[in-house]
Amino acid sequence: MGGENFYAFAPNAQVWVDPLGLNKCCENSKVKTEPNSAFFWSCRTDGIGGQHIAADIAKYNGGTTLEMLIEARKIIMPTWYQNNQASIKAWEDISSEYATCASGTVTGVIGKDLRPGNI
């Protein structure tokens, strides 16, 4: 999956998330989740493993993260490079789709302290 991912899941999750599952554009989405199962994590972790910790928490609670879906559904994604616009766009697009297609209650996994720039 590549190195650390410094992309944001959604610039405004309150607007991008579909709490009632009414967004019809998600019917054929590769990253659509069951209601109440989407887990988001804060991506700036300074190498402390936020992705894996979030996956463990999501699994324990019967949910999923974007990265878990990418792996399970064998979605081909470019390796994240923070200076590569194509890589950034691909990750922003799939992150946006994941956020848009989430429904019901969504869960955010964040650390004890948020650093500047965290979502």
N, C-alpha and C. Protein backbone atom coordinates (compact mmCIF):
# COMPACT_ATOMS: atom_id res chain seq x y z
N MET A 1 0.81 -1.19 0.00
CA MET A 1 0.00 0.00 0.00
C MET A 1 0.86 1.26 0.00
N GLY A 2 2.13 1.18 0.20
CA GLY A 2 2.95 2.38 0.16
C GLY A 2 3.21 2.91 1.55
N GLY A 3 3.94 3.99 1.59
CA GLY A 3 4.34 4.58 2.86
C GLY A 3 3.21 5.28 3.57
N GLU A 4 3.60 6.23 4.42
CA GLU A 4 2.58 6.96 5.18
C GLU A 4 1.67 7.72 4.24
N ASN A 5 0.42 7.79 4.59
CA ASN A 5 -0.56 8.50 3.77
C ASN A 5 -0.97 9.78 4.48
N PHE A 6 -0.64 10.91 3.89
CA PHE A 6 -0.97 12.19 4.49
C PHE A 6 -2.16 12.85 3.78
N TYR A 7 -3.11 12.05 3.35
CA TYR A 7 -4.29 12.58 2.68
C TYR A 7 -5.41 12.72 3.69
N ALA A 8 -6.38 13.54 3.37
CA ALA A 8 -7.53 13.75 4.24
C ALA A 8 -8.71 12.98 3.70
N PHE A 9 -9.50 12.39 4.58
CA PHE A 9 -10.67 11.64 4.14
C PHE A 9 -11.74 12.55 3.57
N ALA A 10 -12.02 13.63 4.21
CA ALA A 10 -13.06 14.53 3.72
C ALA A 10 -12.82 15.92 4.30
N PRO A 11 -12.79 16.93 3.44
CA PRO A 11 -12.61 18.28 3.97
C PRO A 11 -13.71 18.69 4.94
N ASN A 12 -14.92 18.18 4.74
CA ASN A 12 -16.03 18.51 5.62
C ASN A 12 -16.91 17.28 5.78
N ALA A 13 -16.57 16.43 6.72
CA ALA A 13 -17.29 15.16 6.89
C ALA A 13 -18.76 15.36 7.24
N GLN A 14 -19.10 16.47 7.88
CA GLN A 14 -20.51 16.71 8.22
C GLN A 14 -21.36 16.90 6.98
N VAL A 15 -20.78 17.41 5.92
CA VAL A 15 -21.51 17.60 4.67
C VAL A 15 -21.34 16.40 3.75
N TRP A 16 -20.15 15.81 3.73
CA TRP A 16 -19.85 14.75 2.78
C TRP A 16 -20.45 13.41 3.18
N VAL A 17 -20.69 13.16 4.44
CA VAL A 17 -21.24 11.88 4.89
C VAL A 17 -22.76 11.89 4.69
N ASP A 18 -23.31 10.75 4.31
CA ASP A 18 -24.75 10.61 4.03
C ASP A 18 -25.39 9.82 5.17
N PRO A 19 -25.79 10.48 6.27
CA PRO A 19 -26.25 9.76 7.46
C PRO A 19 -27.48 8.89 7.24
N LEU A 20 -28.32 9.23 6.29
CA LEU A 20 -29.53 8.43 6.05
C LEU A 20 -29.37 7.45 4.90
N GLY A 21 -28.21 7.43 4.26
CA GLY A 21 -27.98 6.50 3.17
C GLY A 21 -28.83 6.81 1.94
N LEU A 22 -29.09 8.07 1.69
CA LEU A 22 -29.97 8.46 0.59
C LEU A 22 -29.22 8.76 -0.72
N ASN A 23 -27.92 8.80 -0.68
CA ASN A 23 -27.13 9.15 -1.85
C ASN A 23 -27.12 7.99 -2.84
N LYS A 24 -27.87 8.13 -3.91
CA LYS A 24 -28.01 7.05 -4.90
C LYS A 24 -26.75 6.84 -5.73
N CYS A 25 -25.87 7.83 -5.78
CA CYS A 25 -24.66 7.66 -6.59
C CYS A 25 -23.74 6.60 -6.00
N CYS A 26 -24.00 6.16 -4.80
CA CYS A 26 -23.14 5.18 -4.15
C CYS A 26 -23.57 3.73 -4.39
N GLU A 27 -24.66 3.52 -5.10
CA GLU A 27 -25.15 2.16 -5.28
C GLU A 27 -24.10 1.23 -5.87
N ASN A 28 -23.27 1.72 -6.78
CA ASN A 28 -22.26 0.88 -7.43
C ASN A 28 -20.85 1.19 -6.96
N SER A 29 -20.72 1.88 -5.84
CA SER A 29 -19.41 2.27 -5.34
C SER A 29 -18.63 1.06 -4.84
N LYS A 30 -17.34 1.05 -5.13
CA LYS A 30 -16.46 -0.02 -4.64
C LYS A 30 -16.15 0.15 -3.15
N VAL A 31 -16.40 1.34 -2.60
CA VAL A 31 -16.07 1.58 -1.19
C VAL A 31 -17.30 1.89 -0.35
N LYS A 32 -18.47 1.53 -0.84
CA LYS A 32 -19.69 1.70 -0.05
C LYS A 32 -19.64 0.77 1.16
N THR A 33 -20.10 1.27 2.28
CA THR A 33 -20.10 0.47 3.51
C THR A 33 -21.53 0.19 3.94
N GLU A 34 -21.67 -0.75 4.83
CA GLU A 34 -22.96 -0.98 5.47
C GLU A 34 -23.22 0.20 6.41
N PRO A 35 -24.48 0.53 6.67
CA PRO A 35 -24.77 1.62 7.61
C PRO A 35 -24.09 1.37 8.96
N ASN A 36 -23.61 2.43 9.56
CA ASN A 36 -23.01 2.40 10.91
C ASN A 36 -21.69 1.64 10.98
N SER A 37 -21.00 1.45 9.85
CA SER A 37 -19.77 0.66 9.90
C SER A 37 -18.53 1.41 9.42
N ALA A 38 -18.67 2.65 8.98
CA ALA A 38 -17.52 3.39 8.45
C ALA A 38 -16.70 4.00 9.59
N PHE A 39 -15.41 3.72 9.55
CA PHE A 39 -14.47 4.28 10.52
C PHE A 39 -13.48 5.15 9.77
N PHE A 40 -13.27 6.35 10.29
CA PHE A 40 -12.30 7.29 9.74
C PHE A 40 -11.19 7.45 10.77
N TRP A 41 -10.00 7.72 10.31
CA TRP A 41 -8.89 7.94 11.25
C TRP A 41 -8.13 9.18 10.86
N SER A 42 -7.53 9.79 11.86
CA SER A 42 -6.73 10.98 11.63
C SER A 42 -5.43 10.55 10.99
N CYS A 43 -5.12 11.12 9.84
CA CYS A 43 -4.02 10.58 9.05
C CYS A 43 -2.64 11.08 9.42
N ARG A 44 -2.51 12.13 10.17
CA ARG A 44 -1.18 12.58 10.57
C ARG A 44 -0.80 11.92 11.88
N THR A 45 -0.02 10.88 11.79
CA THR A 45 0.29 10.08 12.97
C THR A 45 1.75 10.11 13.36
N ASP A 46 2.57 10.83 12.61
CA ASP A 46 4.02 10.85 12.85
C ASP A 46 4.59 9.44 12.90
N GLY A 47 4.09 8.55 12.05
CA GLY A 47 4.62 7.20 11.96
C GLY A 47 4.23 6.28 13.09
N ILE A 48 3.21 6.60 13.86
CA ILE A 48 2.83 5.79 15.01
C ILE A 48 1.81 4.72 14.63
N GLY A 49 1.45 4.58 13.40
CA GLY A 49 0.59 3.48 12.98
C GLY A 49 -0.89 3.72 13.10
N GLY A 50 -1.36 4.92 12.85
CA GLY A 50 -2.78 5.23 12.94
C GLY A 50 -3.65 4.33 12.10
N GLN A 51 -3.19 4.01 10.90
CA GLN A 51 -3.96 3.16 9.99
C GLN A 51 -4.23 1.79 10.62
N HIS A 52 -3.22 1.20 11.21
CA HIS A 52 -3.36 -0.15 11.78
C HIS A 52 -4.16 -0.14 13.09
N ILE A 53 -3.96 0.88 13.88
CA ILE A 53 -4.73 1.00 15.12
C ILE A 53 -6.20 1.20 14.79
N ALA A 54 -6.48 2.07 13.81
CA ALA A 54 -7.87 2.30 13.40
C ALA A 54 -8.49 1.02 12.86
N ALA A 55 -7.73 0.24 12.09
CA ALA A 55 -8.24 -1.03 11.56
C ALA A 55 -8.58 -1.99 12.69
N ASP A 56 -7.72 -2.08 13.69
CA ASP A 56 -8.00 -2.96 14.84
C ASP A 56 -9.27 -2.53 15.56
N ILE A 57 -9.43 -1.23 15.77
CA ILE A 57 -10.62 -0.72 16.45
C ILE A 57 -11.86 -0.97 15.60
N ALA A 58 -11.75 -0.73 14.30
CA ALA A 58 -12.89 -0.97 13.40
C ALA A 58 -13.29 -2.44 13.41
N LYS A 59 -12.32 -3.34 13.28
CA LYS A 59 -12.61 -4.79 13.29
C LYS A 59 -13.30 -5.19 14.58
N TYR A 60 -12.77 -4.73 15.70
CA TYR A 60 -13.32 -5.07 17.01
C TYR A 60 -14.79 -4.64 17.12
N ASN A 61 -15.13 -3.54 16.46
CA ASN A 61 -16.49 -2.99 16.53
C ASN A 61 -17.34 -3.33 15.32
N GLY A 62 -16.89 -4.28 14.50
CA GLY A 62 -17.67 -4.71 13.34
C GLY A 62 -17.71 -3.70 12.21
N GLY A 63 -16.71 -2.84 12.14
CA GLY A 63 -16.67 -1.83 11.10
C GLY A 63 -15.52 -2.00 10.15
N THR A 64 -15.26 -0.96 9.36
CA THR A 64 -14.19 -1.01 8.38
C THR A 64 -13.62 0.39 8.15
N THR A 65 -12.39 0.43 7.73
CA THR A 65 -11.76 1.67 7.30
C THR A 65 -11.63 1.63 5.78
N LEU A 66 -11.31 2.75 5.19
CA LEU A 66 -11.10 2.80 3.75
C LEU A 66 -10.00 1.82 3.33
N GLU A 67 -8.91 1.81 4.07
CA GLU A 67 -7.79 0.93 3.71
C GLU A 67 -8.17 -0.54 3.80
N MET A 68 -9.00 -0.89 4.76
CA MET A 68 -9.48 -2.28 4.87
C MET A 68 -10.30 -2.65 3.64
N LEU A 69 -11.14 -1.74 3.17
CA LEU A 69 -11.96 -2.00 1.98
C LEU A 69 -11.09 -2.11 0.73
N ILE A 70 -10.11 -1.24 0.61
CA ILE A 70 -9.21 -1.27 -0.54
C ILE A 70 -8.53 -2.64 -0.62
N GLU A 71 -8.06 -3.13 0.51
CA GLU A 71 -7.40 -4.44 0.53
C GLU A 71 -8.39 -5.57 0.27
N ALA A 72 -9.51 -5.57 0.96
CA ALA A 72 -10.48 -6.67 0.85
C ALA A 72 -11.10 -6.75 -0.55
N ARG A 73 -11.31 -5.60 -1.15
CA ARG A 73 -11.97 -5.57 -2.47
C ARG A 73 -10.98 -5.47 -3.62
N LYS A 74 -9.69 -5.59 -3.26
CA LYS A 74 -8.60 -5.61 -4.24
C LYS A 74 -8.65 -4.41 -5.20
N ILE A 75 -8.86 -3.24 -4.62
CA ILE A 75 -8.87 -2.00 -5.39
C ILE A 75 -7.42 -1.57 -5.59
N ILE A 76 -7.05 -1.34 -6.83
CA ILE A 76 -5.67 -0.94 -7.14
C ILE A 76 -5.54 0.57 -6.92
N MET A 77 -4.63 0.94 -6.05
CA MET A 77 -4.37 2.35 -5.75
C MET A 77 -2.89 2.63 -5.94
N PRO A 78 -2.56 3.84 -6.38
CA PRO A 78 -1.14 4.19 -6.49
C PRO A 78 -0.54 4.36 -5.10
N THR A 79 0.76 4.15 -5.02
CA THR A 79 1.47 4.42 -3.78
C THR A 79 1.36 5.91 -3.50
N TRP A 80 1.18 6.25 -2.23
CA TRP A 80 1.04 7.66 -1.84
C TRP A 80 2.40 8.35 -1.92
N TYR A 81 2.45 9.42 -2.68
CA TYR A 81 3.62 10.30 -2.73
C TYR A 81 3.10 11.72 -2.54
N GLN A 82 3.54 12.38 -1.50
CA GLN A 82 2.99 13.70 -1.19
C GLN A 82 3.37 14.76 -2.21
N ASN A 83 4.31 14.49 -3.09
CA ASN A 83 4.69 15.46 -4.12
C ASN A 83 4.21 15.04 -5.51
N ASN A 84 3.39 14.01 -5.59
CA ASN A 84 2.90 13.51 -6.88
C ASN A 84 1.41 13.82 -6.99
N GLN A 85 1.06 14.74 -7.88
CA GLN A 85 -0.33 15.20 -7.99
C GLN A 85 -1.29 14.08 -8.38
N ALA A 86 -0.84 13.14 -9.22
CA ALA A 86 -1.72 12.03 -9.61
C ALA A 86 -2.03 11.14 -8.41
N SER A 87 -1.02 10.88 -7.59
CA SER A 87 -1.20 10.08 -6.38
C SER A 87 -2.14 10.80 -5.41
N ILE A 88 -1.91 12.07 -5.21
CA ILE A 88 -2.75 12.85 -4.30
C ILE A 88 -4.20 12.83 -4.77
N LYS A 89 -4.42 13.07 -6.07
CA LYS A 89 -5.78 13.10 -6.60
C LYS A 89 -6.47 11.75 -6.45
N ALA A 90 -5.77 10.66 -6.74
CA ALA A 90 -6.37 9.32 -6.62
C ALA A 90 -6.82 9.06 -5.19
N TRP A 91 -5.98 9.40 -4.21
CA TRP A 91 -6.33 9.17 -2.81
C TRP A 91 -7.41 10.13 -2.33
N GLU A 92 -7.37 11.38 -2.79
CA GLU A 92 -8.45 12.31 -2.43
C GLU A 92 -9.78 11.85 -3.01
N ASP A 93 -9.76 11.36 -4.25
CA ASP A 93 -11.00 10.92 -4.89
C ASP A 93 -11.61 9.72 -4.17
N ILE A 94 -10.80 8.71 -3.86
CA ILE A 94 -11.37 7.52 -3.21
C ILE A 94 -11.76 7.84 -1.77
N SER A 95 -11.03 8.73 -1.13
CA SER A 95 -11.38 9.15 0.23
C SER A 95 -12.71 9.90 0.23
N SER A 96 -12.89 10.75 -0.76
CA SER A 96 -14.14 11.49 -0.90
C SER A 96 -15.30 10.53 -1.16
N GLU A 97 -15.09 9.54 -2.01
CA GLU A 97 -16.14 8.56 -2.30
C GLU A 97 -16.49 7.76 -1.05
N TYR A 98 -15.48 7.36 -0.28
CA TYR A 98 -15.72 6.62 0.96
C TYR A 98 -16.57 7.46 1.92
N ALA A 99 -16.20 8.74 2.06
CA ALA A 99 -16.95 9.63 2.96
C ALA A 99 -18.36 9.86 2.44
N THR A 100 -18.50 10.07 1.15
CA THR A 100 -19.81 10.32 0.56
C THR A 100 -20.73 9.12 0.73
N CYS A 101 -20.19 7.93 0.62
CA CYS A 101 -21.02 6.72 0.65
C CYS A 101 -21.21 6.15 2.05
N ALA A 102 -20.58 6.74 3.06
CA ALA A 102 -20.80 6.29 4.43
C ALA A 102 -22.21 6.70 4.85
N SER A 103 -22.87 5.85 5.63
CA SER A 103 -24.22 6.18 6.08
C SER A 103 -24.41 5.76 7.53
N GLY A 104 -25.41 6.33 8.16
CA GLY A 104 -25.66 6.03 9.56
C GLY A 104 -24.64 6.71 10.44
N THR A 105 -24.32 6.09 11.54
CA THR A 105 -23.31 6.62 12.45
C THR A 105 -21.93 6.29 11.91
N VAL A 106 -21.06 7.28 11.84
CA VAL A 106 -19.68 7.04 11.45
C VAL A 106 -18.81 7.30 12.67
N THR A 107 -17.68 6.63 12.72
CA THR A 107 -16.79 6.74 13.87
C THR A 107 -15.46 7.30 13.44
N GLY A 108 -14.95 8.26 14.20
CA GLY A 108 -13.62 8.82 13.96
C GLY A 108 -12.67 8.31 15.02
N VAL A 109 -11.53 7.80 14.58
CA VAL A 109 -10.50 7.32 15.50
C VAL A 109 -9.41 8.39 15.51
N ILE A 110 -9.24 9.03 16.66
CA ILE A 110 -8.23 10.08 16.79
C ILE A 110 -7.39 9.78 18.02
N GLY A 111 -6.22 10.34 18.04
CA GLY A 111 -5.35 10.17 19.19
C GLY A 111 -5.77 11.04 20.35
N LYS A 112 -5.00 10.96 21.41
CA LYS A 112 -5.28 11.75 22.61
C LYS A 112 -5.17 13.24 22.33
N ASP A 113 -4.18 13.62 21.54
CA ASP A 113 -3.94 15.02 21.23
C ASP A 113 -3.95 15.21 19.71
N LEU A 114 -4.64 16.23 19.24
CA LEU A 114 -4.62 16.56 17.82
C LEU A 114 -3.53 17.58 17.55
N ARG A 115 -2.76 17.34 16.51
CA ARG A 115 -1.75 18.29 16.10
C ARG A 115 -2.36 19.24 15.07
N PRO A 116 -1.76 20.40 14.87
CA PRO A 116 -2.27 21.32 13.84
C PRO A 116 -2.37 20.62 12.49
N GLY A 117 -3.45 20.84 11.79
CA GLY A 117 -3.64 20.25 10.48
C GLY A 117 -4.39 18.94 10.49
N ASN A 118 -4.63 18.36 11.66
CA ASN A 118 -5.39 17.11 11.73
C ASN A 118 -6.84 17.37 11.41
N ILE A 119 -7.51 16.32 10.94
CA ILE A 119 -8.95 16.42 10.68
C ILE A 119 -9.69 15.71 11.78
